[in-house]
Protein backbone atom coordinates (compact mmCIF):
# COMPACT_ATOMS: atom_id res chain seq x y z
CA UNK A 1 53.76 -15.03 -14.78
CA UNK A 2 53.76 -11.71 -12.94
CA UNK A 3 51.33 -10.26 -15.48
CA UNK A 4 48.97 -13.18 -14.90
CA UNK A 5 49.12 -12.69 -11.15
CA UNK A 6 48.44 -8.97 -11.61
CA UNK A 7 45.41 -9.65 -13.81
CA UNK A 8 44.03 -12.14 -11.32
CA UNK A 9 44.55 -9.61 -8.51
CA UNK A 10 42.72 -6.87 -10.42
CA UNK A 11 39.85 -9.23 -11.20
CA UNK A 12 39.58 -10.19 -7.53
CA UNK A 13 39.58 -6.52 -6.53
CA UNK A 14 36.81 -5.67 -8.99
CA UNK A 15 34.78 -8.64 -7.76
CA UNK A 16 35.20 -7.49 -4.17
CA UNK A 17 33.96 -3.99 -5.10
CA UNK A 18 30.92 -5.26 -6.98
CA UNK A 19 27.74 -4.82 -4.94
CA UNK A 20 26.10 -7.95 -3.61
CA UNK A 21 22.82 -8.88 -5.29
CA UNK A 22 19.81 -7.31 -3.59
CA UNK A 23 17.23 -9.61 -2.05
CA UNK A 24 13.50 -9.08 -1.90
CA UNK A 25 13.68 -8.88 1.91
CA UNK A 26 16.25 -6.07 1.72
CA UNK A 27 14.10 -4.09 -0.70
CA UNK A 28 11.03 -4.54 1.48
CA UNK A 29 12.97 -3.21 4.48
CA UNK A 30 14.07 -0.21 2.42
CA UNK A 31 10.46 0.50 1.50
CA UNK A 32 9.20 0.16 5.07
CA UNK A 33 11.89 2.60 6.18
CA UNK A 34 11.73 5.17 3.37
CA UNK A 35 8.38 4.98 1.58
CA UNK A 36 6.68 8.30 2.48
CA UNK A 37 3.15 6.90 2.37
CA UNK A 38 3.80 4.82 5.49
CA UNK A 39 4.76 7.91 7.48
CA UNK A 40 1.64 9.62 6.18
CA UNK A 41 -0.47 6.68 7.31
CA UNK A 42 1.06 6.76 10.79
CA UNK A 43 0.45 10.51 11.00
CA UNK A 44 -3.21 9.88 10.16
CA UNK A 45 -3.39 7.33 13.00
CA UNK A 46 -1.80 9.83 15.40
CA UNK A 47 -4.31 12.48 14.34
CA UNK A 48 -7.19 10.06 14.96
CA UNK A 49 -5.78 9.24 18.41
CA UNK A 50 -5.72 12.95 19.18
CA UNK A 51 -9.37 13.26 18.18
CA UNK A 52 -10.23 10.33 20.45
CA UNK A 53 -8.53 12.05 23.38
CA UNK A 54 -10.21 15.36 22.63
CA UNK A 55 -13.69 13.84 22.37
CA UNK A 56 -13.65 12.69 26.02
CA UNK A 57 -12.56 16.00 27.59
CA UNK A 58 -14.91 18.05 29.75
CA UNK A 59 -15.73 21.62 28.73
CA UNK A 60 -13.59 24.21 30.48
CA UNK A 61 -15.02 26.21 33.39
CA UNK A 62 -15.56 29.96 33.14
CA UNK A 63 -14.40 32.36 35.84
CA UNK A 64 -14.94 36.10 35.85
CA UNK A 65 -15.84 39.36 37.56
CA UNK A 66 -19.35 40.51 38.33
CA UNK A 67 -20.46 43.89 39.62
CA UNK A 68 -23.70 45.78 40.12
CA UNK A 69 -24.66 49.25 41.36
CA UNK A 70 -20.95 49.92 41.52
CA UNK A 71 -21.22 53.67 42.23
CA UNK A 72 -23.48 52.95 45.16
CA UNK A 73 -25.93 55.85 44.91
CA UNK A 74 -27.21 57.44 48.10
CA UNK A 75 -26.68 54.23 50.05
CA UNK A 76 -22.95 54.14 49.25
CA UNK A 77 -23.67 50.69 47.95
CA UNK A 78 -22.25 48.55 45.21
CA UNK A 79 -21.78 44.84 44.71
CA UNK A 80 -18.56 43.40 43.26
CA UNK A 81 -17.21 39.89 43.26
CA UNK A 82 -16.03 36.79 41.40
CA UNK A 83 -17.98 33.94 39.91
CA UNK A 84 -17.31 30.48 38.46
CA UNK A 85 -19.44 28.68 35.90
CA UNK A 86 -19.31 25.07 34.74
CA UNK A 87 -21.30 23.02 32.24
CA UNK A 88 -21.67 19.36 33.25
CA UNK A 89 -22.50 17.07 30.29
CA UNK A 90 -25.19 14.55 31.20
CA UNK A 91 -26.56 11.42 29.57
CA UNK A 92 -23.18 9.90 28.68
CA UNK A 93 -22.58 12.29 25.79
CA UNK A 94 -18.83 12.47 26.37
CA UNK A 95 -18.50 8.70 26.48
CA UNK A 96 -20.53 8.34 23.28
CA UNK A 97 -18.40 10.93 21.50
CA UNK A 98 -15.21 9.20 22.63
CA UNK A 99 -16.47 5.81 21.47
CA UNK A 100 -17.24 7.26 18.04
CA UNK A 101 -13.77 8.79 17.85
CA UNK A 102 -12.17 5.54 19.02
CA UNK A 103 -13.96 3.67 16.22
CA UNK A 104 -12.57 6.22 13.80
CA UNK A 105 -9.10 5.63 15.23
CA UNK A 106 -9.50 1.87 14.75
CA UNK A 107 -10.58 2.48 11.18
CA UNK A 108 -7.51 4.62 10.57
CA UNK A 109 -5.30 1.88 11.99
CA UNK A 110 -6.86 -0.56 9.51
CA UNK A 111 -6.14 1.87 6.68
CA UNK A 112 -2.53 2.18 7.86
CA UNK A 113 -2.24 -1.62 7.84
CA UNK A 114 -3.65 -1.62 4.32
CA UNK A 115 -1.04 0.89 3.20
CA UNK A 116 1.74 -1.16 4.74
CA UNK A 117 0.53 -4.24 2.87
CA UNK A 118 0.19 -2.21 -0.33
CA UNK A 119 3.81 -1.09 -0.06
CA UNK A 120 5.07 -4.64 0.51
CA UNK A 121 3.03 -5.97 -2.41
CA UNK A 122 4.15 -3.14 -4.69
CA UNK A 123 7.78 -3.94 -3.87
CA UNK A 124 7.18 -7.62 -4.67
CA UNK A 125 5.51 -6.82 -7.99
CA UNK A 126 8.32 -4.46 -8.99
CA UNK A 127 10.92 -7.00 -7.83
CA UNK A 128 9.48 -9.78 -9.99
CA UNK A 129 9.26 -7.41 -12.96
CA UNK A 130 12.90 -6.39 -12.52
CA UNK A 131 13.98 -9.99 -11.99
CA UNK A 132 12.17 -11.08 -15.15
CA UNK A 133 13.71 -8.16 -17.05
CA UNK A 134 17.17 -9.17 -15.82
CA UNK A 135 16.58 -12.74 -16.96
CA UNK A 136 15.26 -11.53 -20.31
CA UNK A 137 18.47 -9.58 -20.92
CA UNK A 138 20.48 -12.76 -20.29
CA UNK A 139 18.28 -14.76 -22.71
CA UNK A 140 18.47 -12.02 -25.34
CA UNK A 141 22.25 -12.13 -25.10
CA UNK A 142 22.14 -15.87 -25.74
CA UNK A 143 19.79 -15.29 -28.64
CA UNK A 144 22.14 -12.65 -30.07
CA UNK A 145 25.10 -15.02 -29.77
CA UNK A 146 23.13 -17.71 -31.61
CA UNK A 147 22.07 -15.24 -34.32
CA UNK A 148 25.60 -13.98 -34.83
CA UNK A 149 26.92 -17.53 -34.99
CA UNK A 150 24.21 -18.39 -37.50
CA UNK A 151 25.13 -15.39 -39.65
CA UNK A 152 28.81 -16.29 -39.56
CA UNK A 153 28.06 -19.93 -40.40
CA UNK A 154 25.76 -18.89 -43.24
CA UNK A 155 28.59 -16.79 -44.68
CA UNK A 156 31.01 -19.69 -44.45
CA UNK A 157 28.54 -22.08 -46.06
CA UNK A 158 27.92 -19.55 -48.84
CA UNK A 159 31.63 -19.37 -49.52
CA UNK A 160 31.79 -23.14 -50.05
CA UNK A 161 28.57 -23.26 -52.06
CA UNK A 162 26.38 -24.85 -49.38
CA UNK A 163 24.07 -21.82 -48.95
CA UNK A 164 22.55 -19.20 -51.21
CA UNK A 165 22.68 -15.41 -50.95
CA UNK A 166 19.11 -14.97 -49.61
CA UNK A 167 19.93 -17.33 -46.75
CA UNK A 168 22.98 -15.24 -45.84
CA UNK A 169 20.94 -12.02 -45.93
CA UNK A 170 18.19 -13.59 -43.83
CA UNK A 171 20.73 -14.67 -41.19
CA UNK A 172 22.24 -11.19 -41.08
CA UNK A 173 18.81 -9.59 -40.66
CA UNK A 174 18.00 -11.99 -37.83
CA UNK A 175 21.28 -11.07 -36.12
CA UNK A 176 20.46 -7.36 -36.36
CA UNK A 177 16.96 -8.02 -35.06
CA UNK A 178 18.41 -9.96 -32.12
CA UNK A 179 20.71 -7.04 -31.32
CA UNK A 180 17.76 -4.63 -31.39
CA UNK A 181 15.74 -6.96 -29.15
CA UNK A 182 18.62 -7.01 -26.66
CA UNK A 183 18.70 -3.21 -26.59
CA UNK A 184 14.97 -3.10 -25.94
CA UNK A 185 15.31 -5.68 -23.16
CA UNK A 186 18.04 -3.60 -21.52
CA UNK A 187 15.79 -0.54 -21.60
CA UNK A 188 12.95 -2.52 -20.07
CA UNK A 189 15.31 -3.61 -17.30
CA UNK A 190 16.26 0.02 -16.62
CA UNK A 191 12.59 0.97 -16.49
CA UNK A 192 11.74 -1.92 -14.15
CA UNK A 193 14.67 -0.97 -11.91
CA UNK A 194 13.49 2.66 -11.76
CA UNK A 195 10.02 1.53 -10.67
CA UNK A 196 11.47 -0.83 -8.08
CA UNK A 197 13.75 1.77 -6.49
CA UNK A 198 10.97 4.37 -6.49
CA UNK A 199 8.54 2.21 -4.53
CA UNK A 200 11.41 1.21 -2.22
CA UNK A 201 12.02 4.88 -1.47
CA UNK A 202 15.61 4.76 -2.85
CA UNK A 203 15.34 6.31 -6.34
CA UNK A 204 19.11 6.99 -6.61
CA UNK A 205 20.10 3.35 -6.07
CA UNK A 206 22.38 2.21 -8.88
CA UNK A 207 21.38 -0.70 -11.09
CA UNK A 208 22.64 -3.98 -9.64
CA UNK A 209 21.80 -7.69 -9.82
CA UNK A 210 18.91 -9.13 -7.86
CA UNK A 211 19.12 -12.23 -5.70
CA UNK A 212 16.16 -14.38 -6.56
CA UNK A 213 14.61 -16.72 -9.06
CA UNK A 214 11.31 -17.36 -10.75
CA UNK A 215 11.62 -21.13 -10.40
CA UNK A 216 9.93 -23.14 -9.06
CA UNK A 217 6.53 -21.51 -9.08
CA UNK A 218 4.87 -20.27 -5.89
CA UNK A 219 2.71 -22.58 -3.83
CA UNK A 220 -0.80 -23.20 -5.07
CA UNK A 221 -3.57 -20.81 -4.04
CA UNK A 222 -6.97 -22.44 -3.56
CA UNK A 223 -9.78 -20.19 -4.75
CA UNK A 224 -12.29 -20.84 -1.94
CA UNK A 225 -9.65 -20.71 0.79
CA UNK A 226 -8.25 -17.48 -0.58
CA UNK A 227 -11.66 -15.80 -0.87
CA UNK A 228 -12.56 -16.79 2.69
CA UNK A 229 -9.27 -15.40 3.99
CA UNK A 230 -9.57 -12.20 1.97
CA UNK A 231 -13.14 -11.48 3.09
CA UNK A 232 -12.11 -12.07 6.72
CA UNK A 233 -8.64 -10.55 6.99
CA UNK A 234 -8.47 -7.91 4.28
CA UNK A 235 -7.68 -4.44 5.72
CA UNK A 236 -10.30 -3.08 3.35
CA UNK A 237 -12.98 -5.15 5.09
CA UNK A 238 -11.59 -4.28 8.52
CA UNK A 239 -11.69 -0.59 7.67
CA UNK A 240 -15.27 -0.85 6.39
CA UNK A 241 -16.32 -2.70 9.56
CA UNK A 242 -14.66 -0.02 11.69
CA UNK A 243 -16.48 2.62 9.64
CA UNK A 244 -19.76 0.85 10.39
CA UNK A 245 -18.94 0.78 14.12
CA UNK A 246 -18.11 4.48 13.97
CA UNK A 247 -21.42 5.28 12.28
CA UNK A 248 -23.31 3.30 14.93
CA UNK A 249 -21.48 5.18 17.70
CA UNK A 250 -22.21 8.51 16.02
CA UNK A 251 -25.92 7.68 15.87
CA UNK A 252 -25.92 6.82 19.59
CA UNK A 253 -24.16 10.09 20.31
CA UNK A 254 -26.64 12.06 18.21
CA UNK A 255 -29.54 10.55 20.16
CA UNK A 256 -27.93 11.61 23.43
CA UNK A 257 -27.41 15.22 22.40
CA UNK A 258 -30.99 16.40 23.30
CA UNK A 259 -30.37 15.39 26.94
CA UNK A 260 -29.86 18.76 28.70
CA UNK A 261 -26.52 19.58 30.23
CA UNK A 262 -26.46 20.91 33.78
CA UNK A 263 -25.19 24.47 33.99
CA UNK A 264 -23.90 25.51 37.42
CA UNK A 265 -22.91 29.05 38.43
CA UNK A 266 -21.81 30.46 41.76
CA UNK A 267 -19.59 33.04 43.39
CA UNK A 268 -18.86 35.50 46.19
CA UNK A 269 -19.26 39.28 46.17
CA UNK A 270 -18.76 42.16 48.54
CA UNK A 271 -21.95 44.12 49.15
CA UNK A 272 -21.07 47.71 50.17
CA UNK A 273 -24.69 48.72 50.84
CA UNK A 274 -25.22 50.02 54.39
CA UNK A 275 -27.45 48.09 56.68
CA UNK A 276 -30.58 49.96 57.78
CA UNK A 277 -29.92 52.26 60.76
CA UNK A 278 -26.24 51.32 61.01
CA UNK A 279 -23.00 52.59 59.50
CA UNK A 280 -21.96 49.03 58.69
CA UNK A 281 -21.95 47.57 55.18
CA UNK A 282 -23.62 44.25 54.36
CA UNK A 283 -20.22 42.66 53.58
CA UNK A 284 -19.52 39.35 51.83
CA UNK A 285 -22.35 37.34 50.39
CA UNK A 286 -22.53 34.40 48.01
CA UNK A 287 -24.80 33.45 45.18
CA UNK A 288 -25.49 30.30 43.11
CA UNK A 289 -27.67 29.19 40.22
CA UNK A 290 -28.35 26.00 38.30
CA UNK A 291 -30.18 25.46 35.06
CA UNK A 292 -30.75 23.26 32.07
CA UNK A 293 -31.63 23.94 28.44
CA UNK A 294 -35.11 22.71 27.59
CA UNK A 295 -35.13 20.71 24.30
CA UNK A 296 -38.38 22.21 23.06
CA UNK A 297 -37.50 23.23 19.51
CA UNK A 298 -34.09 21.70 18.85
CA UNK A 299 -34.04 18.02 19.70
CA UNK A 300 -31.14 17.34 17.33
CA UNK A 301 -33.60 15.90 14.82
CA UNK A 302 -31.54 16.78 11.77
CA UNK A 303 -28.29 15.33 13.10
CA UNK A 304 -30.07 12.15 14.20
CA UNK A 305 -31.53 11.73 10.72
CA UNK A 306 -28.14 12.41 9.14
CA UNK A 307 -26.44 9.88 11.44
CA UNK A 308 -29.08 7.29 10.56
CA UNK A 309 -28.46 7.84 6.85
CA UNK A 310 -24.70 7.60 7.42
CA UNK A 311 -25.19 4.31 9.27
CA UNK A 312 -27.13 2.88 6.32
CA UNK A 313 -24.43 4.15 3.95
CA UNK A 314 -21.76 2.42 6.05
CA UNK A 315 -23.68 -0.87 5.92
CA UNK A 316 -23.87 -0.60 2.14
CA UNK A 317 -20.17 0.31 2.02
CA UNK A 318 -19.23 -2.90 3.82
CA UNK A 319 -21.29 -4.90 1.32
CA UNK A 320 -19.75 -2.97 -1.57
CA UNK A 321 -16.19 -3.60 -0.37
CA UNK A 322 -16.79 -7.34 -0.10
CA UNK A 323 -18.34 -7.48 -3.56
CA UNK A 324 -15.55 -5.35 -5.02
CA UNK A 325 -12.91 -7.66 -3.55
CA UNK A 326 -14.64 -10.67 -5.09
CA UNK A 327 -14.87 -8.92 -8.47
CA UNK A 328 -11.21 -7.85 -8.44
CA UNK A 329 -10.01 -11.24 -7.23
CA UNK A 330 -11.77 -13.16 -10.02
CA UNK A 331 -9.45 -12.13 -12.91
CA UNK A 332 -6.35 -12.47 -10.71
CA UNK A 333 -7.36 -15.97 -9.66
CA UNK A 334 -8.03 -16.89 -13.30
CA UNK A 335 -4.70 -15.43 -14.43
CA UNK A 336 -2.89 -17.26 -11.64
CA UNK A 337 -4.51 -20.60 -12.51
CA UNK A 338 -3.77 -20.20 -16.23
CA UNK A 339 -0.15 -19.16 -15.61
CA UNK A 340 0.40 -22.02 -13.12
CA UNK A 341 -0.92 -24.55 -15.64
CA UNK A 342 1.18 -23.13 -18.48
CA UNK A 343 4.32 -22.93 -16.32
CA UNK A 344 3.92 -26.58 -15.36
CA UNK A 345 3.68 -27.59 -19.00
CA UNK A 346 6.77 -25.55 -19.92
CA UNK A 347 8.77 -26.95 -17.00
CA UNK A 348 7.77 -30.62 -17.23
CA UNK A 349 7.19 -31.16 -20.95
CA UNK A 350 7.93 -28.46 -23.48
CA UNK A 351 11.29 -27.12 -22.29
CA UNK A 352 12.87 -30.54 -21.56
CA UNK A 353 11.71 -31.92 -24.91
CA UNK A 354 12.91 -28.84 -26.81
CA UNK A 355 16.31 -28.99 -25.11
CA UNK A 356 16.61 -32.70 -25.80
CA UNK A 357 15.68 -32.19 -29.46
CA UNK A 358 18.34 -29.49 -29.82
CA UNK A 359 21.06 -31.54 -28.18
CA UNK A 360 20.25 -34.64 -30.24
CA UNK A 361 20.26 -32.65 -33.48
CA UNK A 362 23.54 -30.98 -32.51
CA UNK A 363 25.09 -34.39 -31.83
CA UNK A 364 23.78 -35.67 -35.18
CA UNK A 365 25.15 -32.57 -36.92
CA UNK A 366 28.56 -33.15 -35.38
CA UNK A 367 28.35 -36.74 -36.64
CA UNK A 368 27.25 -35.35 -40.04
CA UNK A 369 23.79 -36.95 -39.80
CA UNK A 370 21.74 -33.71 -39.59
CA UNK A 371 21.88 -30.44 -41.57
CA UNK A 372 22.92 -27.26 -39.80
CA UNK A 373 19.69 -25.33 -40.50
CA UNK A 374 17.73 -27.99 -38.65
CA UNK A 375 20.04 -27.68 -35.63
CA UNK A 376 19.69 -23.90 -35.72
CA UNK A 377 15.90 -24.11 -35.90
CA UNK A 378 15.83 -26.43 -32.87
CA UNK A 379 18.06 -24.09 -30.91
CA UNK A 380 15.85 -21.10 -31.74
CA UNK A 381 12.77 -23.04 -30.71
CA UNK A 382 14.37 -23.87 -27.38
CA UNK A 383 15.33 -20.22 -26.74
CA UNK A 384 11.87 -19.01 -27.83
CA UNK A 385 10.22 -21.40 -25.39
CA UNK A 386 12.47 -20.10 -22.63
CA UNK A 387 11.32 -16.56 -23.42
CA UNK A 388 7.67 -17.65 -23.37
CA UNK A 389 8.24 -19.52 -20.12
CA UNK A 390 9.81 -16.40 -18.59
CA UNK A 391 6.77 -14.30 -19.52
CA UNK A 392 4.50 -16.96 -18.01
CA UNK A 393 6.50 -17.09 -14.78
CA UNK A 394 6.41 -13.31 -14.51
CA UNK A 395 2.62 -13.39 -14.74
CA UNK A 396 2.46 -16.27 -12.26
CA UNK A 397 4.58 -14.57 -9.61
CA UNK A 398 2.84 -11.21 -10.07
CA UNK A 399 -0.59 -12.83 -9.68
CA UNK A 400 0.58 -14.75 -6.61
CA UNK A 401 1.98 -11.59 -5.02
CA UNK A 402 -1.21 -9.66 -5.78
CA UNK A 403 -3.42 -12.35 -4.29
CA UNK A 404 -1.27 -12.84 -1.19
CA UNK A 405 -1.19 -9.07 -0.78
CA UNK A 406 -5.01 -9.11 -0.66
CA UNK A 407 -5.20 -7.03 -3.87
CA UNK A 408 -3.44 -4.06 -2.21
CA UNK A 409 -0.78 -3.04 -4.73
CA UNK A 410 -0.50 0.76 -4.93
CA UNK A 411 2.54 1.42 -2.80
CA UNK A 412 3.03 5.07 -3.80
CA UNK A 413 -0.57 6.20 -3.77
CA UNK A 414 -1.37 8.63 -0.96
CA UNK A 415 -2.84 6.69 1.97
CA UNK A 416 -6.45 7.07 2.97
CA UNK A 417 -7.17 9.88 5.40
CA UNK A 418 -10.41 11.05 6.93
CA UNK A 419 -12.16 10.54 3.61
CA UNK A 420 -11.57 6.78 3.91
CA UNK A 421 -10.19 6.10 0.44
CA UNK A 422 -8.53 2.69 0.28
CA UNK A 423 -5.02 2.30 -1.21
């Protein structure tokens, strides 16, 4: 009695120490907190904000010393003093430059949003892979138990003359194959776990169960509704639109550059030259000048042409991004539709019928109305269909996550910087 109580107490203690299954929400929070690409994306946004601030600043004034005829000559003269000089930008050039930088900042924010979505989607894809791998290990264990039972039964039937030697050997080979398949499934689970923890930013996290399921399938995704949403709300489109706005602002700024800036200069100096016929010096006197640069030769023609070409490139980039999204969505939508149809058939027809056939044959075998090999074949068919259904559900959930993530899936790829590469 005491030994039983002790065993129950140890079992309860081990259960209390076992880690709770991880949920998808927990893994997403880990990734948002620890995935380095998100910090990189935020740093890129901060850098763009700094450029926006810098673009609107006035040029600094210049102050200095000015002197002439310092030794004075025969008149004991000499002029020494201080001056200040300031360039005043005209034509709204500063505002145009700041608007172009602000458009670049908005574009960088869209790229940061894209990276955040890519991380979340990557976590979901890795989670469904790991969950499917975990479920496959459980099914392979069932398959191994069935194969071992079949091998043992074949040996017993051989001993009583109900089976031949080839049948016994075949059952033993199938048991060994089932054991090898289980080992491979366990390795696939380890690999899927490593990918999941890497994208979550916690590569040292020990293998543990996942809280989730692949049944029932995700809600239906309508093709036309999805395409309309993607082409409107995708961060890739938003970033391309912001890039177009930035190119337009840069062209406006380039056209304003030929407008001359006003250059002001003034100061005060002490003139030591003696006044005619008196011993007195001229004393303090001031000076001032104003000027502009005439745009005779350099009217910023090259930069205007370059900005115009960049604007056309940005328009084509927006068209390219939309077409690329359509092209990449087509196979995912097709895969999702095919997997959803197959999963429905497995769930509503094939799996229930296979299970029912197995259970009926097992009952008939127990009543000595059906041979054992027929029962075994039905059980293997049922397990095989469960494996096929699991593969279909994995594809279904991966396609759904990819589509809902607006095709942004590379959670560990370096985020786009000034070059504008999408995740």
